Amino acid sequence: MVDIQFKYGANNVPRMSDAEIERHAMLYIQDYKPELLKVPQPLDVEDFAEGYLKLGFHYTNLSHTGFIWGRMVFNNTLIIVYEPVLNKADEEPVDANTIVIDNRLLDEDREVNFRSTVMHECGHSVYHPEYFCIDYSEVSRKSDVDVSHLPYTHCKQGDILGEWGGRKRKLTSEHDWLEHQAKYFSAATLMPQKAMKALCKNKGLQAYCFENHPEFENDALVAVVANTFRVSHASARIRVKQLKLGLISPNESPVSYYVSGQHIFPLDIQYSI
């Protein structure tokens, strides 16, 4: 596995630009399966997590309403879960270096959410062991050691989806930065920059978007990206904008999903690479 380097700020929060995360993601994918950078296709997220990063998986009910999608567990510990039979909170033991996924994401129609959550937690595993790992021998031995967090993440839908309704989260707290770094790593590995450029600049795809969906060209592009990499339309839309790969559409409709940022996708796309 590749060895990446980055700097830390206060409280072991990594200090990295988005460009650095982009480069790290490329190095990981190049080392794991280099053809993913050349041929646009879905990443096998479970094999990447288990086979490459050597992480385990644990499935449970993380909350009563399903608002928590995943956790990355860094120490052997007990995590808080929801016990549906007893209708109350409970605890379950989980080993260190384990991705915990909420059972609701195992539904067939939640595949894209499952994939994003797995790679989001992979991002935490890559960047945040120094922040989340707790040396309990030090804590018990030194009375002045203050543990301000648990040894696992608390990733909600908003942390994993990121931008919502066209709005971007302001990065002010440690939590904001940790979740942004994991979210960006997820996008950059699920939709690698080189593969994204190969797809979005494909002449046949561009012709299809302009000829078959006038005024909704970028919506069509987003749909093909989502279908190709098996991600949500929202994630595909954000990634296309991140990489400035949107098509030049001076007459694009203001009700376009790509333009408005609303979480409603208007097109039925019949196109594949």
Protein backbone atom coordinates (compact mmCIF):
# COMPACT_ATOMS: atom_id res chain seq x y z
CA MET A 1 0.00 0.00 0.00
CA VAL A 2 1.28 3.48 -0.83
CA ASP A 3 2.67 5.71 1.90
CA ILE A 4 1.26 9.23 1.65
CA GLN A 5 2.60 12.24 3.54
CA PHE A 6 0.69 15.20 4.94
CA LYS A 7 0.95 17.73 7.74
CA TYR A 8 -1.05 17.99 10.94
CA GLY A 9 -2.56 21.02 12.60
CA ALA A 10 -3.91 21.42 16.12
CA ASN A 11 -5.26 18.28 17.85
CA ASN A 12 -3.91 16.03 15.06
CA VAL A 13 -6.34 17.33 12.45
CA PRO A 14 -4.65 16.93 9.02
CA ARG A 15 -3.88 20.12 7.11
CA MET A 16 -4.42 19.38 3.41
CA SER A 17 -5.76 21.09 0.33
CA ASP A 18 -8.33 19.42 -1.90
CA ALA A 19 -5.58 19.12 -4.52
CA GLU A 20 -3.49 17.05 -2.09
CA ILE A 21 -6.41 14.72 -1.38
CA GLU A 22 -6.94 14.40 -5.14
CA ARG A 23 -3.31 13.36 -5.57
CA HIS A 24 -3.50 10.88 -2.68
CA ALA A 25 -6.62 9.28 -4.15
CA MET A 26 -4.86 8.90 -7.49
CA LEU A 27 -1.88 7.23 -5.82
CA TYR A 28 -4.12 4.77 -3.98
CA ILE A 29 -6.12 3.85 -7.08
CA GLN A 30 -2.94 3.59 -9.17
CA ASP A 31 -1.51 1.15 -6.64
CA TYR A 32 -4.77 -0.79 -6.16
CA LYS A 33 -6.02 -1.13 -9.74
CA PRO A 34 -4.51 1.29 -12.29
CA GLU A 35 -7.07 0.52 -15.02
CA LEU A 36 -9.63 2.42 -12.94
CA LEU A 37 -7.79 5.61 -13.91
CA LYS A 38 -8.03 4.87 -17.62
CA VAL A 39 -11.37 3.16 -18.16
CA PRO A 40 -14.41 4.77 -16.47
CA GLN A 41 -16.01 2.05 -14.34
CA PRO A 42 -17.28 1.40 -10.78
CA LEU A 43 -14.80 0.83 -7.96
CA ASP A 44 -15.32 -2.39 -5.98
CA VAL A 45 -15.62 -0.60 -2.64
CA GLU A 46 -15.74 -3.73 -0.47
CA ASP A 47 -12.61 -5.20 -2.05
CA PHE A 48 -10.82 -1.85 -1.78
CA ALA A 49 -11.69 -1.58 1.92
CA GLU A 50 -11.09 -5.22 2.88
CA GLY A 51 -8.53 -6.41 0.36
CA TYR A 52 -6.44 -3.26 0.01
CA LEU A 53 -6.86 -1.18 3.18
CA LYS A 54 -7.29 -4.34 5.34
CA LEU A 55 -10.39 -3.02 7.11
CA GLY A 56 -13.18 -5.13 8.55
CA PHE A 57 -16.95 -4.68 8.16
CA HIS A 58 -19.71 -4.69 10.77
CA TYR A 59 -23.42 -4.21 10.06
CA THR A 60 -25.94 -3.02 12.64
CA ASN A 61 -28.69 -0.51 13.36
CA LEU A 62 -26.77 2.66 14.13
CA SER A 63 -29.79 4.76 15.10
CA HIS A 64 -33.55 4.65 15.55
CA THR A 65 -34.33 6.80 12.50
CA GLY A 66 -31.38 5.93 10.24
CA PHE A 67 -29.74 9.36 10.31
CA ILE A 68 -26.32 7.82 11.09
CA TRP A 69 -25.02 6.00 8.01
CA GLY A 70 -21.56 4.83 9.06
CA ARG A 71 -18.73 4.77 11.57
CA MET A 72 -15.02 4.13 11.32
CA VAL A 73 -13.86 2.38 14.51
CA PHE A 74 -10.20 2.89 15.44
CA ASN A 75 -9.95 1.04 18.82
CA ASN A 76 -11.48 -2.15 20.15
CA THR A 77 -14.53 -0.66 21.81
CA LEU A 78 -18.27 -0.70 22.40
CA ILE A 79 -20.40 1.41 20.08
CA ILE A 80 -23.90 2.71 20.72
CA VAL A 81 -26.53 1.04 18.51
CA TYR A 82 -30.32 0.81 18.34
CA GLU A 83 -32.00 -2.44 19.36
CA PRO A 84 -35.30 -2.60 17.40
CA VAL A 85 -36.77 -5.54 19.34
CA LEU A 86 -36.39 -3.76 22.67
CA ASN A 87 -36.87 -0.31 21.09
CA LYS A 88 -33.96 1.19 22.98
CA ALA A 89 -30.29 2.06 22.69
CA ASP A 90 -27.77 -0.68 23.34
CA GLU A 91 -24.04 -1.37 22.94
CA GLU A 92 -22.15 -3.75 20.64
CA PRO A 93 -18.45 -4.69 20.68
CA VAL A 94 -16.54 -3.80 17.52
CA ASP A 95 -12.88 -4.49 16.72
CA ALA A 96 -10.39 -1.80 15.78
CA ASN A 97 -10.02 -0.91 12.09
CA THR A 98 -13.63 -1.75 11.28
CA ILE A 99 -16.15 0.06 9.08
CA VAL A 100 -19.62 -0.02 10.61
CA ILE A 101 -22.54 0.35 8.17
CA ASP A 102 -26.16 0.95 9.07
CA ASN A 103 -28.39 -1.97 8.02
CA ARG A 104 -30.71 0.32 6.07
CA LEU A 105 -27.96 0.92 3.50
CA LEU A 106 -28.04 -2.76 2.58
CA ASP A 107 -31.37 -2.31 0.79
CA GLU A 108 -30.91 -2.76 -2.96
CA ASP A 109 -32.19 0.74 -3.74
CA ARG A 110 -29.61 2.28 -1.37
CA GLU A 111 -26.53 0.91 -3.19
CA VAL A 112 -25.13 4.32 -4.11
CA ASN A 113 -25.45 5.47 -0.48
CA PHE A 114 -23.72 2.29 0.69
CA ARG A 115 -20.83 2.82 -1.73
CA SER A 116 -20.33 6.46 -0.73
CA THR A 117 -20.47 5.58 2.96
CA VAL A 118 -17.87 2.81 2.64
CA MET A 119 -15.44 5.11 0.84
CA HIS A 120 -16.16 7.97 3.25
CA GLU A 121 -15.14 5.72 6.15
CA CYS A 122 -12.08 4.61 4.13
CA GLY A 123 -11.15 8.29 3.97
CA HIS A 124 -11.34 8.52 7.76
CA SER A 125 -9.17 5.40 8.07
CA VAL A 126 -6.51 6.92 5.81
CA TYR A 127 -6.36 10.40 7.34
CA HIS A 128 -7.62 10.33 10.92
CA PRO A 129 -6.07 7.55 13.07
CA GLU A 130 -3.94 10.13 14.89
CA TYR A 131 -7.08 12.06 15.79
CA PHE A 132 -9.39 9.20 16.81
CA CYS A 133 -7.11 6.51 18.22
CA ILE A 134 -7.01 6.62 22.02
CA ASP A 135 -4.08 5.30 24.06
CA TYR A 136 -6.04 4.10 27.08
CA SER A 137 -2.86 3.28 29.00
CA GLU A 138 -1.94 6.95 28.82
CA VAL A 139 -5.44 8.02 29.81
CA SER A 140 -5.53 5.77 32.87
CA ARG A 141 -1.98 6.62 33.93
CA LYS A 142 -2.17 10.40 33.58
CA SER A 143 -5.02 12.16 35.33
CA ASP A 144 -4.55 15.32 33.26
CA VAL A 145 -5.23 13.54 29.93
CA ASP A 146 -8.62 14.61 28.58
CA VAL A 147 -10.35 12.38 26.01
CA SER A 148 -12.68 14.75 24.15
CA HIS A 149 -14.11 12.19 21.73
CA LEU A 150 -14.83 8.50 21.29
CA PRO A 151 -12.51 6.24 19.21
CA TYR A 152 -14.91 6.15 16.27
CA THR A 153 -16.59 8.51 13.84
CA HIS A 154 -20.23 9.60 13.80
CA CYS A 155 -21.05 10.03 10.10
CA LYS A 156 -24.52 11.27 9.28
CA GLN A 157 -26.23 11.59 5.91
CA GLY A 158 -25.21 15.25 5.59
CA ASP A 159 -21.55 14.45 6.33
CA ILE A 160 -21.44 11.88 3.53
CA LEU A 161 -23.54 13.67 0.91
CA GLY A 162 -21.93 17.05 1.56
CA GLU A 163 -23.41 19.85 -0.53
CA TRP A 164 -27.23 19.89 -0.34
CA GLY A 165 -29.61 22.11 -2.24
CA GLY A 166 -26.73 23.98 -3.87
CA ARG A 167 -25.25 25.05 -0.52
CA LYS A 168 -21.77 24.18 0.69
CA ARG A 169 -20.96 23.57 4.35
CA LYS A 170 -18.66 26.15 5.93
CA LEU A 171 -15.55 24.53 7.35
CA THR A 172 -15.14 26.00 10.82
CA SER A 173 -14.89 23.19 13.39
CA GLU A 174 -12.59 20.16 13.65
CA HIS A 175 -15.59 17.97 12.79
CA ASP A 176 -16.23 19.98 9.61
CA TRP A 177 -12.66 19.52 8.40
CA LEU A 178 -12.52 15.80 9.26
CA GLU A 179 -15.78 15.11 7.43
CA HIS A 180 -14.78 17.25 4.43
CA GLN A 181 -11.51 15.36 4.04
CA ALA A 182 -13.26 11.98 4.21
CA LYS A 183 -15.97 13.14 1.79
CA TYR A 184 -13.46 14.49 -0.74
CA PHE A 185 -11.42 11.27 -0.58
CA SER A 186 -14.61 9.29 -1.22
CA ALA A 187 -15.47 11.31 -4.33
CA ALA A 188 -11.91 11.25 -5.66
CA THR A 189 -11.66 7.45 -5.37
CA LEU A 190 -15.17 6.62 -6.59
CA MET A 191 -14.80 9.04 -9.53
CA PRO A 192 -11.04 9.36 -10.22
CA GLN A 193 -10.04 12.58 -11.94
CA LYS A 194 -8.39 10.92 -14.94
CA ALA A 195 -11.33 8.60 -15.57
CA MET A 196 -13.76 11.51 -15.13
CA LYS A 197 -11.93 13.54 -17.77
CA ALA A 198 -11.90 10.59 -20.18
CA LEU A 199 -15.65 10.17 -19.73
CA CYS A 200 -16.82 13.78 -19.74
CA LYS A 201 -14.66 14.75 -22.72
CA ASN A 202 -15.86 11.81 -24.81
CA LYS A 203 -17.08 13.30 -28.12
CA GLY A 204 -19.87 10.76 -28.52
CA LEU A 205 -21.22 11.51 -25.04
CA GLN A 206 -21.04 15.26 -25.60
CA ALA A 207 -22.92 14.93 -28.89
CA TYR A 208 -25.61 12.83 -27.17
CA CYS A 209 -26.03 15.40 -24.39
CA PHE A 210 -26.46 18.35 -26.77
CA GLU A 211 -28.56 16.59 -29.40
CA ASN A 212 -30.89 14.56 -27.18
CA HIS A 213 -31.27 16.87 -24.17
CA PRO A 214 -31.06 20.52 -25.31
CA GLU A 215 -31.01 22.93 -22.36
CA PHE A 216 -30.43 19.95 -20.03
CA GLU A 217 -27.02 18.93 -21.41
CA ASN A 218 -25.28 18.92 -18.06
CA ASP A 219 -28.09 16.97 -16.45
CA ALA A 220 -27.56 14.28 -19.07
CA LEU A 221 -23.80 14.36 -18.41
CA VAL A 222 -24.39 13.99 -14.66
CA ALA A 223 -26.68 11.00 -15.26
CA VAL A 224 -24.06 9.20 -17.35
CA VAL A 225 -21.40 9.89 -14.70
CA ALA A 226 -23.72 8.55 -11.99
CA ASN A 227 -24.55 5.42 -14.00
CA THR A 228 -20.94 4.77 -15.00
CA PHE A 229 -19.41 5.03 -11.52
CA ARG A 230 -22.53 3.84 -9.59
CA VAL A 231 -22.86 6.95 -7.48
CA SER A 232 -25.82 9.21 -6.73
CA HIS A 233 -26.81 12.01 -9.09
CA ALA A 234 -26.03 14.47 -6.28
CA SER A 235 -22.49 13.11 -5.89
CA ALA A 236 -21.94 13.07 -9.66
CA ARG A 237 -23.17 16.66 -9.97
CA ILE A 238 -20.80 17.88 -7.24
CA ARG A 239 -17.85 16.01 -8.77
CA VAL A 240 -18.47 17.37 -12.28
CA LYS A 241 -18.48 20.89 -10.81
CA GLN A 242 -15.39 20.23 -8.67
CA LEU A 243 -13.39 19.23 -11.72
CA LYS A 244 -14.95 21.92 -13.97
CA LEU A 245 -16.06 19.29 -16.48
CA GLY A 246 -19.52 20.67 -17.17
CA LEU A 247 -20.48 21.28 -20.80
CA ILE A 248 -20.70 24.81 -22.21
CA SER A 249 -24.46 25.41 -22.34
CA PRO A 250 -25.30 29.11 -22.69
CA ASN A 251 -29.02 28.36 -23.10
CA GLU A 252 -29.32 25.83 -20.30
CA SER A 253 -32.68 25.87 -18.52
CA PRO A 254 -32.78 27.45 -15.03
CA VAL A 255 -34.80 24.44 -13.84
CA SER A 256 -31.88 22.17 -14.76
CA TYR A 257 -30.76 20.05 -11.80
CA TYR A 258 -27.17 20.95 -12.61
CA VAL A 259 -27.93 24.68 -12.58
CA SER A 260 -30.42 24.89 -9.71
CA GLY A 261 -28.88 22.36 -7.35
CA GLN A 262 -32.29 21.00 -6.38
CA HIS A 263 -32.32 17.35 -5.33
CA ILE A 264 -34.66 16.35 -8.17
CA PHE A 265 -33.31 14.81 -11.36
CA PRO A 266 -35.52 15.45 -14.43
CA LEU A 267 -34.21 13.14 -17.16
CA ASP A 268 -34.44 9.52 -18.25
CA ILE A 269 -31.06 8.78 -19.82
CA GLN A 270 -30.57 6.02 -22.39
CA TYR A 271 -26.82 6.15 -22.92
CA SER A 272 -23.80 4.16 -21.78
CA ILE A 273 -20.13 4.21 -22.69
